[in-house]
Structures are given as C-alpha cells and as structure tokens.
Amino acid sequence: MFVTHFYENKTSVLSQLLVSLPTVEENIKIKGRKAKVVQILQIDDNNYHVSIIFEKVPKKQPLKEIGKKKR
C-alpha cells in the first residue's frame, strides 16, 4: 500500500491510499475530471507525490437569440 498525494501546480488535489501507483503519461480521472500524470516523486518507502495536469474544458458561449431584447 502506498500513500499517494496528487498535486497540480503545487496545489494538493487528492491524497489516497493505493495498492498500485499510476504510471507517467497515464490518463486518470480525479473528482470527475480527466487528468494526465506528468511526474512521480518518491518521498519515503510508502509516500509518493504525483504531479498531474487537468484537461482544459472550454466554456460554452451562450447563444444569442435574435429578436429578443435584454430586459
């Protein structure tokens, strides 16, 4: 069992107790968001820091309806 801390830009996202560690360049899902593992650092025998990058989700622009006035 490994204590795994997930970080994005030095911000702690999640800490988990895992049986197997993720690999570099592996796509994972954390809190419902897609992420990619960038780097894995071993701190102790059982402690690991995993750096991740979340996938950017573009915001949808609201549709302007023609003929309606803003009130």
PDB file of N, CA and C in Angstrom:
ATOM      1  N   MET A   1       0.832  -1.171   0.000  1.00  0.00           N
ATOM      2  CA  MET A   1       0.000   0.000   0.000  1.00  0.00           C
ATOM      3  C   MET A   1       0.886   1.247   0.000  1.00  0.00           C
ATOM      4  N   PHE A   2       0.489   2.227  -0.795  1.00  0.00           N
ATOM      5  CA  PHE A   2       1.251   3.458  -0.944  1.00  0.00           C
ATOM      6  C   PHE A   2       0.361   4.657  -0.635  1.00  0.00           C
ATOM      7  N   VAL A   3       0.909   5.610   0.104  1.00  0.00           N
ATOM      8  CA  VAL A   3       0.216   6.874   0.335  1.00  0.00           C
ATOM      9  C   VAL A   3       0.561   7.771  -0.845  1.00  0.00           C
ATOM     10  N   THR A   4      -0.435   8.165  -1.610  1.00  0.00           N
ATOM     11  CA  THR A   4      -0.223   8.911  -2.838  1.00  0.00           C
ATOM     12  C   THR A   4      -0.888  10.280  -2.719  1.00  0.00           C
ATOM     13  N   HIS A   5      -0.095  11.322  -2.941  1.00  0.00           N
ATOM     14  CA  HIS A   5      -0.600  12.698  -2.911  1.00  0.00           C
ATOM     15  C   HIS A   5      -0.572  13.230  -4.339  1.00  0.00           C
ATOM     16  N   PHE A   6      -1.719  13.662  -4.851  1.00  0.00           N
ATOM     17  CA  PHE A   6      -1.811  14.208  -6.198  1.00  0.00           C
ATOM     18  C   PHE A   6      -1.735  15.723  -6.114  1.00  0.00           C
ATOM     19  N   TYR A   7      -0.864  16.325  -6.933  1.00  0.00           N
ATOM     20  CA  TYR A   7      -0.658  17.773  -6.943  1.00  0.00           C
ATOM     21  C   TYR A   7      -0.823  18.319  -8.350  1.00  0.00           C
ATOM     22  N   GLU A   8      -1.450  19.502  -8.433  1.00  0.00           N
ATOM     23  CA  GLU A   8      -1.496  20.262  -9.683  1.00  0.00           C
ATOM     24  C   GLU A   8      -0.960  21.651  -9.373  1.00  0.00           C
ATOM     25  N   ASN A   9       0.174  22.015  -9.976  1.00  0.00           N
ATOM     26  CA  ASN A   9       0.817  23.317  -9.748  1.00  0.00           C
ATOM     27  C   ASN A   9       1.018  23.597  -8.264  1.00  0.00           C
ATOM     28  N   LYS A  10       1.608  22.665  -7.546  1.00  0.00           N
ATOM     29  CA  LYS A  10       1.914  22.774  -6.111  1.00  0.00           C
ATOM     30  C   LYS A  10       0.674  22.895  -5.240  1.00  0.00           C
ATOM     31  N   THR A  11      -0.489  22.564  -5.776  1.00  0.00           N
ATOM     32  CA  THR A  11      -1.735  22.580  -5.026  1.00  0.00           C
ATOM     33  C   THR A  11      -2.194  21.146  -4.824  1.00  0.00           C
ATOM     34  N   SER A  12      -2.399  20.765  -3.588  1.00  0.00           N
ATOM     35  CA  SER A  12      -2.835  19.416  -3.290  1.00  0.00           C
ATOM     36  C   SER A  12      -4.273  19.216  -3.768  1.00  0.00           C
ATOM     37  N   VAL A  13      -4.479  18.189  -4.566  1.00  0.00           N
ATOM     38  CA  VAL A  13      -5.797  17.903  -5.118  1.00  0.00           C
ATOM     39  C   VAL A  13      -6.445  16.738  -4.384  1.00  0.00           C
ATOM     40  N   LEU A  14      -5.639  15.690  -4.103  1.00  0.00           N
ATOM     41  CA  LEU A  14      -6.194  14.474  -3.522  1.00  0.00           C
ATOM     42  C   LEU A  14      -5.082  13.682  -2.852  1.00  0.00           C
ATOM     43  N   SER A  15      -5.392  13.041  -1.739  1.00  0.00           N
ATOM     44  CA  SER A  15      -4.493  12.103  -1.078  1.00  0.00           C
ATOM     45  C   SER A  15      -5.223  10.771  -0.971  1.00  0.00           C
ATOM     46  N   GLN A  16      -4.538   9.706  -1.392  1.00  0.00           N
ATOM     47  CA  GLN A  16      -5.173   8.398  -1.434  1.00  0.00           C
ATOM     48  C   GLN A  16      -4.215   7.321  -0.970  1.00  0.00           C
ATOM     49  N   LEU A  17      -4.753   6.237  -0.466  1.00  0.00           N
ATOM     50  CA  LEU A  17      -4.002   5.045  -0.147  1.00  0.00           C
ATOM     51  C   LEU A  17      -4.251   4.068  -1.288  1.00  0.00           C
ATOM     52  N   LEU A  18      -3.206   3.813  -2.103  1.00  0.00           N
ATOM     53  CA  LEU A  18      -3.354   2.986  -3.304  1.00  0.00           C
ATOM     54  C   LEU A  18      -2.540   1.705  -3.202  1.00  0.00           C
ATOM     55  N   VAL A  19      -3.012   0.664  -3.870  1.00  0.00           N
ATOM     56  CA  VAL A  19      -2.283  -0.591  -3.937  1.00  0.00           C
ATOM     57  C   VAL A  19      -1.214  -0.508  -5.021  1.00  0.00           C
ATOM     58  N   SER A  20      -1.551   0.114  -6.169  1.00  0.00           N
ATOM     59  CA  SER A  20      -0.586   0.259  -7.265  1.00  0.00           C
ATOM     60  C   SER A  20      -0.523   1.730  -7.680  1.00  0.00           C
ATOM     61  N   LEU A  21       0.676   2.169  -8.035  1.00  0.00           N
ATOM     62  CA  LEU A  21       0.882   3.561  -8.422  1.00  0.00           C
ATOM     63  C   LEU A  21       0.541   3.778  -9.887  1.00  0.00           C
ATOM     64  N   PRO A  22       0.074   4.977 -10.259  1.00  0.00           N
ATOM     65  CA  PRO A  22      -0.124   5.277 -11.684  1.00  0.00           C
ATOM     66  C   PRO A  22       1.232   5.457 -12.364  1.00  0.00           C
ATOM     67  N   THR A  23       1.257   5.306 -13.656  1.00  0.00           N
ATOM     68  CA  THR A  23       2.496   5.476 -14.409  1.00  0.00           C
ATOM     69  C   THR A  23       2.512   6.846 -15.072  1.00  0.00           C
ATOM     70  N   VAL A  24       3.702   7.285 -15.486  1.00  0.00           N
ATOM     71  CA  VAL A  24       3.848   8.565 -16.164  1.00  0.00           C
ATOM     72  C   VAL A  24       3.144   8.481 -17.512  1.00  0.00           C
ATOM     73  N   GLU A  25       2.499   9.563 -17.926  1.00  0.00           N
ATOM     74  CA  GLU A  25       1.723   9.674 -19.169  1.00  0.00           C
ATOM     75  C   GLU A  25       0.430   8.865 -19.137  1.00  0.00           C
ATOM     76  N   GLU A  26       0.014   8.393 -17.978  1.00  0.00           N
ATOM     77  CA  GLU A  26      -1.240   7.656 -17.867  1.00  0.00           C
ATOM     78  C   GLU A  26      -2.392   8.643 -17.681  1.00  0.00           C
ATOM     79  N   ASN A  27      -3.503   8.381 -18.343  1.00  0.00           N
ATOM     80  CA  ASN A  27      -4.695   9.200 -18.187  1.00  0.00           C
ATOM     81  C   ASN A  27      -5.512   8.639 -17.030  1.00  0.00           C
ATOM     82  N   ILE A  28      -5.843   9.516 -16.073  1.00  0.00           N
ATOM     83  CA  ILE A  28      -6.609   9.108 -14.907  1.00  0.00           C
ATOM     84  C   ILE A  28      -7.771  10.074 -14.715  1.00  0.00           C
ATOM     85  N   LYS A  29      -8.699   9.719 -13.838  1.00  0.00           N
ATOM     86  CA  LYS A  29      -9.832  10.568 -13.546  1.00  0.00           C
ATOM     87  C   LYS A  29      -9.826  10.861 -12.047  1.00  0.00           C
ATOM     88  N   ILE A  30      -9.791  12.159 -11.693  1.00  0.00           N
ATOM     89  CA  ILE A  30      -9.805  12.580 -10.298  1.00  0.00           C
ATOM     90  C   ILE A  30     -10.962  13.546 -10.112  1.00  0.00           C
ATOM     91  N   LYS A  31     -11.837  13.216  -9.191  1.00  0.00           N
ATOM     92  CA  LYS A  31     -13.003  14.044  -8.877  1.00  0.00           C
ATOM     93  C   LYS A  31     -13.834  14.354 -10.120  1.00  0.00           C
ATOM     94  N   GLY A  32     -13.948  13.391 -11.031  1.00  0.00           N
ATOM     95  CA  GLY A  32     -14.768  13.556 -12.225  1.00  0.00           C
ATOM     96  C   GLY A  32     -14.115  14.340 -13.339  1.00  0.00           C
ATOM     97  N   ARG A  33     -12.837  14.692 -13.178  1.00  0.00           N
ATOM     98  CA  ARG A  33     -12.126  15.455 -14.208  1.00  0.00           C
ATOM     99  C   ARG A  33     -10.996  14.606 -14.759  1.00  0.00           C
ATOM    100  N   LYS A  34     -10.782  14.690 -16.066  1.00  0.00           N
ATOM    101  CA  LYS A  34      -9.712  13.937 -16.706  1.00  0.00           C
ATOM    102  C   LYS A  34      -8.372  14.616 -16.440  1.00  0.00           C
ATOM    103  N   ALA A  35      -7.365  13.805 -16.119  1.00  0.00           N
ATOM    104  CA  ALA A  35      -6.041  14.331 -15.819  1.00  0.00           C
ATOM    105  C   ALA A  35      -4.985  13.412 -16.423  1.00  0.00           C
ATOM    106  N   LYS A  36      -3.775  13.966 -16.580  1.00  0.00           N
ATOM    107  CA  LYS A  36      -2.662  13.207 -17.113  1.00  0.00           C
ATOM    108  C   LYS A  36      -1.512  13.286 -16.121  1.00  0.00           C
ATOM    109  N   VAL A  37      -0.881  12.134 -15.823  1.00  0.00           N
ATOM    110  CA  VAL A  37       0.229  12.074 -14.883  1.00  0.00           C
ATOM    111  C   VAL A  37       1.481  12.588 -15.573  1.00  0.00           C
ATOM    112  N   VAL A  38       2.152  13.569 -14.936  1.00  0.00           N
ATOM    113  CA  VAL A  38       3.344  14.176 -15.512  1.00  0.00           C
ATOM    114  C   VAL A  38       4.606  13.639 -14.851  1.00  0.00           C
ATOM    115  N   GLN A  39       4.579  13.524 -13.515  1.00  0.00           N
ATOM    116  CA  GLN A  39       5.788  13.171 -12.785  1.00  0.00           C
ATOM    117  C   GLN A  39       5.406  12.453 -11.499  1.00  0.00           C
ATOM    118  N   ILE A  40       6.279  11.508 -11.070  1.00  0.00           N
ATOM    119  CA  ILE A  40       6.078  10.801  -9.817  1.00  0.00           C
ATOM    120  C   ILE A  40       7.358  10.915  -8.997  1.00  0.00           C
ATOM    121  N   LEU A  41       7.236  11.433  -7.767  1.00  0.00           N
ATOM    122  CA  LEU A  41       8.380  11.571  -6.874  1.00  0.00           C
ATOM    123  C   LEU A  41       8.183  10.663  -5.667  1.00  0.00           C
ATOM    124  N   GLN A  42       9.233   9.891  -5.333  1.00  0.00           N
ATOM    125  CA  GLN A  42       9.174   9.044  -4.153  1.00  0.00           C
ATOM    126  C   GLN A  42       9.759   9.812  -2.974  1.00  0.00           C
ATOM    127  N   ILE A  43       8.983   9.994  -1.926  1.00  0.00           N
ATOM    128  CA  ILE A  43       9.415  10.727  -0.747  1.00  0.00           C
ATOM    129  C   ILE A  43      10.008   9.759   0.281  1.00  0.00           C
ATOM    130  N   ASP A  44       9.256   8.750   0.677  1.00  0.00           N
ATOM    131  CA  ASP A  44       9.693   7.707   1.604  1.00  0.00           C
ATOM    132  C   ASP A  44       9.482   6.354   0.942  1.00  0.00           C
ATOM    133  N   ASP A  45       9.517   5.308   1.772  1.00  0.00           N
ATOM    134  CA  ASP A  45       9.247   3.973   1.244  1.00  0.00           C
ATOM    135  C   ASP A  45       7.817   3.855   0.735  1.00  0.00           C
ATOM    136  N   ASN A  46       6.894   4.505   1.425  1.00  0.00           N
ATOM    137  CA  ASN A  46       5.472   4.369   1.073  1.00  0.00           C
ATOM    138  C   ASN A  46       4.813   5.667   0.668  1.00  0.00           C
ATOM    139  N   ASN A  47       5.526   6.782   0.652  1.00  0.00           N
ATOM    140  CA  ASN A  47       4.937   8.084   0.313  1.00  0.00           C
ATOM    141  C   ASN A  47       5.386   8.528  -1.072  1.00  0.00           C
ATOM    142  N   TYR A  48       4.408   8.928  -1.898  1.00  0.00           N
ATOM    143  CA  TYR A  48       4.689   9.368  -3.258  1.00  0.00           C
ATOM    144  C   TYR A  48       3.946  10.658  -3.550  1.00  0.00           C
ATOM    145  N   HIS A  49       4.571  11.542  -4.306  1.00  0.00           N
ATOM    146  CA  HIS A  49       3.925  12.760  -4.799  1.00  0.00           C
ATOM    147  C   HIS A  49       3.774  12.600  -6.302  1.00  0.00           C
ATOM    148  N   VAL A  50       2.553  12.758  -6.796  1.00  0.00           N
ATOM    149  CA  VAL A  50       2.243  12.602  -8.216  1.00  0.00           C
ATOM    150  C   VAL A  50       1.810  13.954  -8.752  1.00  0.00           C
ATOM    151  N   SER A  51       2.532  14.470  -9.752  1.00  0.00           N
ATOM    152  CA  SER A  51       2.167  15.725 -10.399  1.00  0.00           C
ATOM    153  C   SER A  51       1.258  15.415 -11.576  1.00  0.00           C
ATOM    154  N   ILE A  52       0.156  16.171 -11.676  1.00  0.00           N
ATOM    155  CA  ILE A  52      -0.815  15.940 -12.738  1.00  0.00           C
ATOM    156  C   ILE A  52      -1.161  17.261 -13.416  1.00  0.00           C
ATOM    157  N   ILE A  53      -1.749  17.128 -14.594  1.00  0.00           N
ATOM    158  CA  ILE A  53      -2.291  18.280 -15.324  1.00  0.00           C
ATOM    159  C   ILE A  53      -3.710  17.917 -15.721  1.00  0.00           C
ATOM    160  N   PHE A  54      -4.666  18.768 -15.324  1.00  0.00           N
ATOM    161  CA  PHE A  54      -6.058  18.543 -15.696  1.00  0.00           C
ATOM    162  C   PHE A  54      -6.294  18.982 -17.131  1.00  0.00           C
ATOM    163  N   GLU A  55      -7.216  18.281 -17.804  1.00  0.00           N
ATOM    164  CA  GLU A  55      -7.596  18.626 -19.166  1.00  0.00           C
ATOM    165  C   GLU A  55      -8.436  19.894 -19.126  1.00  0.00           C
ATOM    166  N   LYS A  56      -8.120  20.836 -19.998  1.00  0.00           N
ATOM    167  CA  LYS A  56      -8.866  22.094 -20.051  1.00  0.00           C
ATOM    168  C   LYS A  56     -10.194  21.864 -20.762  1.00  0.00           C
ATOM    169  N   VAL A  57     -11.263  22.299 -20.118  1.00  0.00           N
ATOM    170  CA  VAL A  57     -12.596  22.175 -20.693  1.00  0.00           C
ATOM    171  C   VAL A  57     -13.021  23.566 -21.150  1.00  0.00           C
ATOM    172  N   PRO A  58     -13.225  23.757 -22.455  1.00  0.00           N
ATOM    173  CA  PRO A  58     -13.625  25.085 -22.923  1.00  0.00           C
ATOM    174  C   PRO A  58     -15.039  25.415 -22.468  1.00  0.00           C
ATOM    175  N   LYS A  59     -15.222  26.665 -22.084  1.00  0.00           N
ATOM    176  CA  LYS A  59     -16.544  27.105 -21.666  1.00  0.00           C
ATOM    177  C   LYS A  59     -17.407  27.355 -22.897  1.00  0.00           C
ATOM    178  N   LYS A  60     -18.667  26.958 -22.812  1.00  0.00           N
ATOM    179  CA  LYS A  60     -19.584  27.156 -23.927  1.00  0.00           C
ATOM    180  C   LYS A  60     -20.133  28.569 -23.869  1.00  0.00           C
ATOM    181  N   GLN A  61     -20.128  29.228 -25.008  1.00  0.00           N
ATOM    182  CA  GLN A  61     -20.675  30.571 -25.105  1.00  0.00           C
ATOM    183  C   GLN A  61     -22.194  30.479 -25.232  1.00  0.00           C
ATOM    184  N   PRO A  62     -22.923  31.291 -24.490  1.00  0.00           N
ATOM    185  CA  PRO A  62     -24.382  31.250 -24.619  1.00  0.00           C
ATOM    186  C   PRO A  62     -24.806  31.765 -25.990  1.00  0.00           C
ATOM    187  N   LEU A  63     -25.840  31.165 -26.503  1.00  0.00           N
ATOM    188  CA  LEU A  63     -26.356  31.568 -27.802  1.00  0.00           C
ATOM    189  C   LEU A  63     -27.197  32.827 -27.648  1.00  0.00           C
ATOM    190  N   LYS A  64     -26.937  33.787 -28.519  1.00  0.00           N
ATOM    191  CA  LYS A  64     -27.771  34.982 -28.523  1.00  0.00           C
ATOM    192  C   LYS A  64     -28.943  34.722 -29.452  1.00  0.00           C
ATOM    193  N   GLU A  65     -30.095  34.936 -28.878  1.00  0.00           N
ATOM    194  CA  GLU A  65     -31.281  34.713 -29.695  1.00  0.00           C
ATOM    195  C   GLU A  65     -31.637  36.019 -30.400  1.00  0.00           C
ATOM    196  N   ILE A  66     -31.836  35.902 -31.670  1.00  0.00           N
ATOM    197  CA  ILE A  66     -32.149  37.062 -32.486  1.00  0.00           C
ATOM    198  C   ILE A  66     -33.599  37.479 -32.245  1.00  0.00           C
ATOM    199  N   GLY A  67     -33.817  38.757 -32.053  1.00  0.00           N
ATOM    200  CA  GLY A  67     -35.169  39.271 -31.908  1.00  0.00           C
ATOM    201  C   GLY A  67     -35.611  39.459 -30.474  1.00  0.00           C
ATOM    202  N   LYS A  68     -34.836  39.016 -29.515  1.00  0.00           N
ATOM    203  CA  LYS A  68     -35.209  39.211 -28.115  1.00  0.00           C
ATOM    204  C   LYS A  68     -34.357  40.342 -27.529  1.00  0.00           C
ATOM    205  N   LYS A  69     -35.007  41.168 -26.761  1.00  0.00           N
ATOM    206  CA  LYS A  69     -34.317  42.265 -26.121  1.00  0.00           C
ATOM    207  C   LYS A  69     -33.934  41.864 -24.701  1.00  0.00           C
ATOM    208  N   LYS A  70     -32.848  42.410 -24.252  1.00  0.00           N
ATOM    209  CA  LYS A  70     -32.422  42.174 -22.875  1.00  0.00           C
ATOM    210  C   LYS A  70     -33.233  43.071 -21.962  1.00  0.00           C
ATOM    211  N   ARG A  71     -33.786  42.504 -20.931  1.00  0.00           N
ATOM    212  CA  ARG A  71     -34.626  43.288 -20.029  1.00  0.00           C
ATOM    213  C   ARG A  71     -33.908  43.576 -18.747  1.00  0.00           C
TER     214      ARG A  71
END
